[in-house]
């Protein structure tokens, strides 16, 4: 094979690989966003750590309605988000009761 043909073939291959790499889309869930839901005091315990809180199916990828709304808030849990998706959160009264409960003292007499 002549040098010119090799150069053209290498250029074509490089362009093909670059096109595939640039067109690929990351579809994995972001652990930082899951952590934000998990740390929310009103997040339902049964849903913590589950990708399906935000995504359709078992993994990352296409977002469900909650995932889209969560993105629209800048990936912040807001009172409006809680109000719009009550199935994802415990009632605020639960958090109020937990805050009002007496704390066990660890001090020794």
N, C-alpha and C. Protein backbone atom coordinates (compact mmCIF):
# COMPACT_ATOMS: atom_id res chain seq x y z
N UNK A 1 0.86 -1.18 0.00
CA UNK A 1 0.00 0.00 0.00
C UNK A 1 0.90 1.24 0.00
N UNK A 2 0.53 2.20 -0.81
CA UNK A 2 1.35 3.40 -0.90
C UNK A 2 1.16 4.28 0.33
N UNK A 3 2.10 5.18 0.56
CA UNK A 3 2.04 6.08 1.71
C UNK A 3 0.81 6.96 1.70
N UNK A 4 0.40 7.39 0.50
CA UNK A 4 -0.78 8.26 0.39
C UNK A 4 -2.06 7.52 0.78
N UNK A 5 -2.19 6.29 0.37
CA UNK A 5 -3.37 5.48 0.70
C UNK A 5 -3.42 5.21 2.20
N UNK A 6 -2.25 4.91 2.78
CA UNK A 6 -2.20 4.68 4.24
C UNK A 6 -2.62 5.93 4.99
N UNK A 7 -2.15 7.07 4.53
CA UNK A 7 -2.49 8.33 5.18
C UNK A 7 -4.00 8.61 5.09
N UNK A 8 -4.58 8.37 3.94
CA UNK A 8 -6.03 8.57 3.76
C UNK A 8 -6.81 7.59 4.65
N UNK A 9 -6.36 6.34 4.68
CA UNK A 9 -7.04 5.33 5.50
C UNK A 9 -6.95 5.69 6.99
N UNK A 10 -5.80 6.11 7.44
CA UNK A 10 -5.63 6.52 8.85
C UNK A 10 -6.50 7.74 9.18
N UNK A 11 -6.54 8.70 8.26
CA UNK A 11 -7.37 9.88 8.48
C UNK A 11 -8.84 9.53 8.56
N UNK A 12 -9.30 8.62 7.69
CA UNK A 12 -10.69 8.18 7.71
C UNK A 12 -11.01 7.47 9.02
N UNK A 13 -10.11 6.58 9.44
CA UNK A 13 -10.31 5.84 10.68
C UNK A 13 -10.35 6.79 11.88
N UNK A 14 -9.45 7.74 11.89
CA UNK A 14 -9.42 8.72 12.98
C UNK A 14 -10.72 9.54 13.01
N UNK A 15 -11.20 9.96 11.87
CA UNK A 15 -12.45 10.72 11.80
C UNK A 15 -13.63 9.88 12.26
N UNK A 16 -13.63 8.60 11.90
CA UNK A 16 -14.70 7.70 12.31
C UNK A 16 -14.72 7.52 13.82
N UNK A 17 -13.57 7.27 14.40
CA UNK A 17 -13.47 7.10 15.86
C UNK A 17 -13.87 8.39 16.57
N UNK A 18 -13.41 9.52 16.09
CA UNK A 18 -13.76 10.81 16.71
C UNK A 18 -15.27 11.04 16.64
N UNK A 19 -15.89 10.70 15.53
CA UNK A 19 -17.34 10.87 15.40
C UNK A 19 -18.10 10.00 16.38
N UNK A 20 -17.66 8.77 16.55
CA UNK A 20 -18.33 7.87 17.51
C UNK A 20 -18.17 8.40 18.93
N UNK A 21 -16.96 8.79 19.29
CA UNK A 21 -16.69 9.29 20.64
C UNK A 21 -17.49 10.56 20.92
N UNK A 22 -17.52 11.48 19.98
CA UNK A 22 -18.22 12.74 20.20
C UNK A 22 -19.73 12.59 20.19
N UNK A 23 -20.24 11.57 19.52
CA UNK A 23 -21.69 11.40 19.48
C UNK A 23 -22.21 10.55 20.62
N UNK A 24 -21.32 9.88 21.33
CA UNK A 24 -21.75 9.04 22.47
C UNK A 24 -22.26 9.94 23.58
N UNK A 25 -23.28 9.47 24.25
CA UNK A 25 -23.89 10.25 25.33
C UNK A 25 -23.80 9.46 26.62
N UNK A 26 -23.36 10.09 27.68
CA UNK A 26 -23.28 9.42 28.97
C UNK A 26 -24.69 9.30 29.53
N UNK A 27 -25.05 8.09 29.94
CA UNK A 27 -26.40 7.86 30.44
C UNK A 27 -26.41 7.34 31.87
N UNK A 28 -25.30 7.43 32.54
CA UNK A 28 -25.24 6.93 33.91
C UNK A 28 -25.81 7.95 34.89
N UNK A 29 -26.45 7.44 35.92
CA UNK A 29 -26.96 8.31 36.97
C UNK A 29 -25.78 8.95 37.69
N UNK A 30 -25.97 10.14 38.18
CA UNK A 30 -24.91 10.84 38.88
C UNK A 30 -25.05 10.60 40.38
N UNK A 31 -24.06 9.95 40.99
CA UNK A 31 -24.15 9.67 42.42
C UNK A 31 -24.36 10.91 43.27
N UNK A 32 -23.83 12.06 42.86
CA UNK A 32 -24.00 13.28 43.65
C UNK A 32 -25.47 13.68 43.72
N UNK A 33 -26.21 13.47 42.62
CA UNK A 33 -27.62 13.83 42.62
C UNK A 33 -28.41 12.84 43.47
N UNK A 34 -28.03 11.57 43.42
CA UNK A 34 -28.68 10.58 44.27
C UNK A 34 -28.43 10.92 45.74
N UNK A 35 -27.21 11.36 46.05
CA UNK A 35 -26.88 11.73 47.42
C UNK A 35 -27.75 12.89 47.91
N UNK A 36 -28.05 13.82 47.02
CA UNK A 36 -28.91 14.95 47.41
C UNK A 36 -30.29 14.46 47.82
N UNK A 37 -30.83 13.52 47.07
CA UNK A 37 -32.13 12.95 47.45
C UNK A 37 -31.98 12.15 48.75
N UNK A 38 -30.95 11.33 48.84
CA UNK A 38 -30.77 10.47 50.01
C UNK A 38 -30.61 11.27 51.30
N UNK A 39 -29.97 12.43 51.22
CA UNK A 39 -29.74 13.26 52.42
C UNK A 39 -30.93 14.12 52.80
N UNK A 40 -31.92 14.22 51.92
CA UNK A 40 -33.08 15.04 52.23
C UNK A 40 -33.82 14.42 53.41
N UNK A 41 -34.13 15.20 54.45
CA UNK A 41 -34.77 14.63 55.64
C UNK A 41 -36.16 14.06 55.37
N UNK A 42 -36.79 14.46 54.28
CA UNK A 42 -38.13 13.97 53.98
C UNK A 42 -38.14 12.89 52.88
N UNK A 43 -36.97 12.53 52.37
CA UNK A 43 -36.91 11.48 51.34
C UNK A 43 -37.41 10.17 51.95
N UNK A 44 -38.21 9.45 51.19
CA UNK A 44 -38.70 8.16 51.68
C UNK A 44 -37.53 7.19 51.77
N UNK A 45 -37.41 6.55 52.91
CA UNK A 45 -36.31 5.64 53.16
C UNK A 45 -36.29 4.51 52.12
N UNK A 46 -37.45 4.01 51.75
CA UNK A 46 -37.55 2.90 50.80
C UNK A 46 -37.03 3.28 49.41
N UNK A 47 -36.97 4.57 49.09
CA UNK A 47 -36.53 5.01 47.77
C UNK A 47 -35.07 5.44 47.73
N UNK A 48 -34.46 5.59 48.89
CA UNK A 48 -33.07 6.04 48.93
C UNK A 48 -32.17 5.04 48.25
N UNK A 49 -31.27 5.55 47.44
CA UNK A 49 -30.31 4.70 46.75
C UNK A 49 -30.85 4.02 45.49
N UNK A 50 -32.05 4.36 45.09
CA UNK A 50 -32.66 3.72 43.91
C UNK A 50 -32.58 4.67 42.71
N UNK A 51 -32.05 4.17 41.62
CA UNK A 51 -31.94 4.96 40.39
C UNK A 51 -33.32 5.33 39.86
N UNK A 52 -34.32 4.48 40.14
CA UNK A 52 -35.66 4.71 39.60
C UNK A 52 -36.37 5.89 40.25
N UNK A 53 -35.77 6.51 41.24
CA UNK A 53 -36.34 7.75 41.77
C UNK A 53 -36.38 8.78 40.64
N UNK A 54 -35.32 8.84 39.85
CA UNK A 54 -35.21 9.83 38.77
C UNK A 54 -35.26 9.25 37.36
N UNK A 55 -35.03 7.95 37.23
CA UNK A 55 -34.89 7.36 35.90
C UNK A 55 -35.94 6.30 35.62
N UNK A 56 -36.22 6.14 34.33
CA UNK A 56 -37.09 5.08 33.86
C UNK A 56 -36.23 3.83 33.75
N UNK A 57 -36.71 2.72 34.24
CA UNK A 57 -35.91 1.50 34.21
C UNK A 57 -35.01 1.43 35.42
N UNK A 58 -34.10 0.46 35.38
CA UNK A 58 -33.28 0.20 36.56
C UNK A 58 -32.00 1.01 36.63
N UNK A 59 -31.52 1.51 35.54
CA UNK A 59 -30.26 2.24 35.56
C UNK A 59 -30.45 3.68 35.20
N UNK A 60 -29.36 4.32 34.84
CA UNK A 60 -29.44 5.69 34.37
C UNK A 60 -30.13 5.70 33.03
N UNK A 61 -30.10 6.79 32.38
CA UNK A 61 -30.74 6.88 31.08
C UNK A 61 -31.88 7.87 31.11
N UNK A 62 -32.92 7.54 30.41
CA UNK A 62 -34.06 8.46 30.30
C UNK A 62 -34.65 8.76 31.67
N UNK A 63 -34.91 10.03 31.91
CA UNK A 63 -35.46 10.44 33.21
C UNK A 63 -36.98 10.35 33.21
N UNK A 64 -37.51 10.07 34.39
CA UNK A 64 -38.96 10.10 34.59
C UNK A 64 -39.37 11.54 34.92
N UNK A 65 -40.65 11.75 35.22
CA UNK A 65 -41.15 13.11 35.49
C UNK A 65 -40.43 13.75 36.68
N UNK A 66 -40.18 12.96 37.73
CA UNK A 66 -39.48 13.50 38.88
C UNK A 66 -38.06 13.90 38.49
N UNK A 67 -37.37 13.05 37.74
CA UNK A 67 -36.00 13.36 37.32
C UNK A 67 -35.93 14.62 36.48
N UNK A 68 -36.91 14.82 35.61
CA UNK A 68 -36.95 16.04 34.80
C UNK A 68 -37.19 17.27 35.68
N UNK A 69 -38.12 17.15 36.62
CA UNK A 69 -38.41 18.27 37.53
C UNK A 69 -37.22 18.57 38.43
N UNK A 70 -36.52 17.53 38.88
CA UNK A 70 -35.33 17.69 39.72
C UNK A 70 -34.25 18.44 38.94
N UNK A 71 -34.08 18.11 37.67
CA UNK A 71 -33.13 18.84 36.83
C UNK A 71 -33.55 20.30 36.68
N UNK A 72 -34.85 20.53 36.49
CA UNK A 72 -35.35 21.90 36.32
C UNK A 72 -35.09 22.77 37.54
N UNK A 73 -34.97 22.16 38.72
CA UNK A 73 -34.69 22.93 39.94
C UNK A 73 -33.18 23.09 40.16
N UNK A 74 -32.38 22.68 39.20
CA UNK A 74 -30.93 22.75 39.37
C UNK A 74 -30.44 21.63 40.27
N UNK A 75 -31.18 20.51 40.27
CA UNK A 75 -30.87 19.34 41.10
C UNK A 75 -30.88 19.69 42.58
N UNK A 76 -31.87 20.48 42.96
CA UNK A 76 -32.09 20.84 44.37
C UNK A 76 -33.48 20.36 44.77
N UNK A 77 -33.59 19.86 45.99
CA UNK A 77 -34.89 19.48 46.53
C UNK A 77 -35.52 20.75 47.09
N UNK A 78 -36.66 21.12 46.57
CA UNK A 78 -37.35 22.34 46.99
C UNK A 78 -38.73 21.97 47.55
N UNK A 79 -39.33 22.88 48.32
CA UNK A 79 -40.70 22.62 48.79
C UNK A 79 -41.69 22.35 47.65
N UNK A 80 -41.53 23.08 46.54
CA UNK A 80 -42.42 22.86 45.39
C UNK A 80 -42.23 21.47 44.80
N UNK A 81 -40.98 21.01 44.73
CA UNK A 81 -40.71 19.67 44.22
C UNK A 81 -41.35 18.62 45.12
N UNK A 82 -41.21 18.79 46.43
CA UNK A 82 -41.85 17.86 47.38
C UNK A 82 -43.36 17.87 47.21
N UNK A 83 -43.92 19.06 47.02
CA UNK A 83 -45.37 19.18 46.87
C UNK A 83 -45.86 18.52 45.59
N UNK A 84 -45.11 18.65 44.53
CA UNK A 84 -45.51 18.10 43.23
C UNK A 84 -45.36 16.58 43.18
N UNK A 85 -44.44 16.02 43.99
CA UNK A 85 -44.17 14.58 43.97
C UNK A 85 -44.27 14.00 45.38
N UNK A 86 -45.47 13.99 45.96
CA UNK A 86 -45.62 13.52 47.34
C UNK A 86 -45.26 12.04 47.52
N UNK A 87 -45.31 11.25 46.47
CA UNK A 87 -44.97 9.83 46.58
C UNK A 87 -43.47 9.62 46.85
N UNK A 88 -42.67 10.63 46.62
CA UNK A 88 -41.22 10.53 46.82
C UNK A 88 -40.77 11.01 48.20
N UNK A 89 -41.68 11.61 48.95
CA UNK A 89 -41.30 12.24 50.21
C UNK A 89 -42.29 11.90 51.33
N UNK A 90 -41.77 11.93 52.55
CA UNK A 90 -42.64 11.79 53.71
C UNK A 90 -43.27 13.16 53.99
N UNK A 91 -44.40 13.17 54.67
CA UNK A 91 -45.01 14.46 55.02
C UNK A 91 -44.07 15.29 55.90
N UNK A 92 -44.13 16.60 55.76
CA UNK A 92 -43.27 17.49 56.54
C UNK A 92 -43.50 17.32 58.03
N UNK A 93 -44.70 16.94 58.43
CA UNK A 93 -45.01 16.74 59.85
C UNK A 93 -44.12 15.66 60.45
N UNK A 94 -43.72 14.66 59.65
CA UNK A 94 -42.83 13.60 60.15
C UNK A 94 -41.48 14.19 60.57
N UNK A 95 -40.95 15.09 59.77
CA UNK A 95 -39.67 15.71 60.09
C UNK A 95 -39.81 16.63 61.30
N UNK A 96 -40.97 17.32 61.40
CA UNK A 96 -41.20 18.19 62.55
C UNK A 96 -41.25 17.38 63.84
N UNK A 97 -41.91 16.23 63.80
CA UNK A 97 -42.00 15.37 64.99
C UNK A 97 -40.62 14.86 65.38
N UNK A 98 -39.81 14.50 64.42
CA UNK A 98 -38.46 14.00 64.71
C UNK A 98 -37.61 15.11 65.33
N UNK A 99 -37.77 16.34 64.85
CA UNK A 99 -37.00 17.46 65.39
C UNK A 99 -37.44 17.81 66.80
N UNK A 100 -38.74 17.60 67.11
CA UNK A 100 -39.27 17.93 68.42
C UNK A 100 -39.03 16.83 69.45
N UNK A 101 -38.66 15.64 69.01
CA UNK A 101 -38.47 14.52 69.94
C UNK A 101 -37.29 14.81 70.84
N UNK A 102 -37.39 14.41 72.12
CA UNK A 102 -36.26 14.63 73.03
C UNK A 102 -35.05 13.82 72.58
N UNK A 103 -33.89 14.42 72.66
CA UNK A 103 -32.66 13.76 72.26
C UNK A 103 -32.08 13.04 73.46
N UNK A 104 -31.55 11.85 73.22
CA UNK A 104 -30.93 11.10 74.30
C UNK A 104 -29.64 11.79 74.68
N UNK A 105 -29.42 11.94 75.95
CA UNK A 105 -28.22 12.60 76.43
C UNK A 105 -27.10 11.59 76.53
N UNK A 106 -25.93 11.98 76.13
CA UNK A 106 -24.78 11.10 76.24
C UNK A 106 -23.84 11.55 77.36
N UNK A 107 -24.23 12.60 78.04
CA UNK A 107 -23.39 13.13 79.12
C UNK A 107 -23.49 12.21 80.34
N UNK A 108 -22.39 12.02 81.04
CA UNK A 108 -22.35 11.21 82.24
C UNK A 108 -22.58 12.11 83.45
N UNK A 109 -23.41 11.68 84.43
CA UNK A 109 -23.63 12.51 85.63
C UNK A 109 -22.43 12.56 86.54
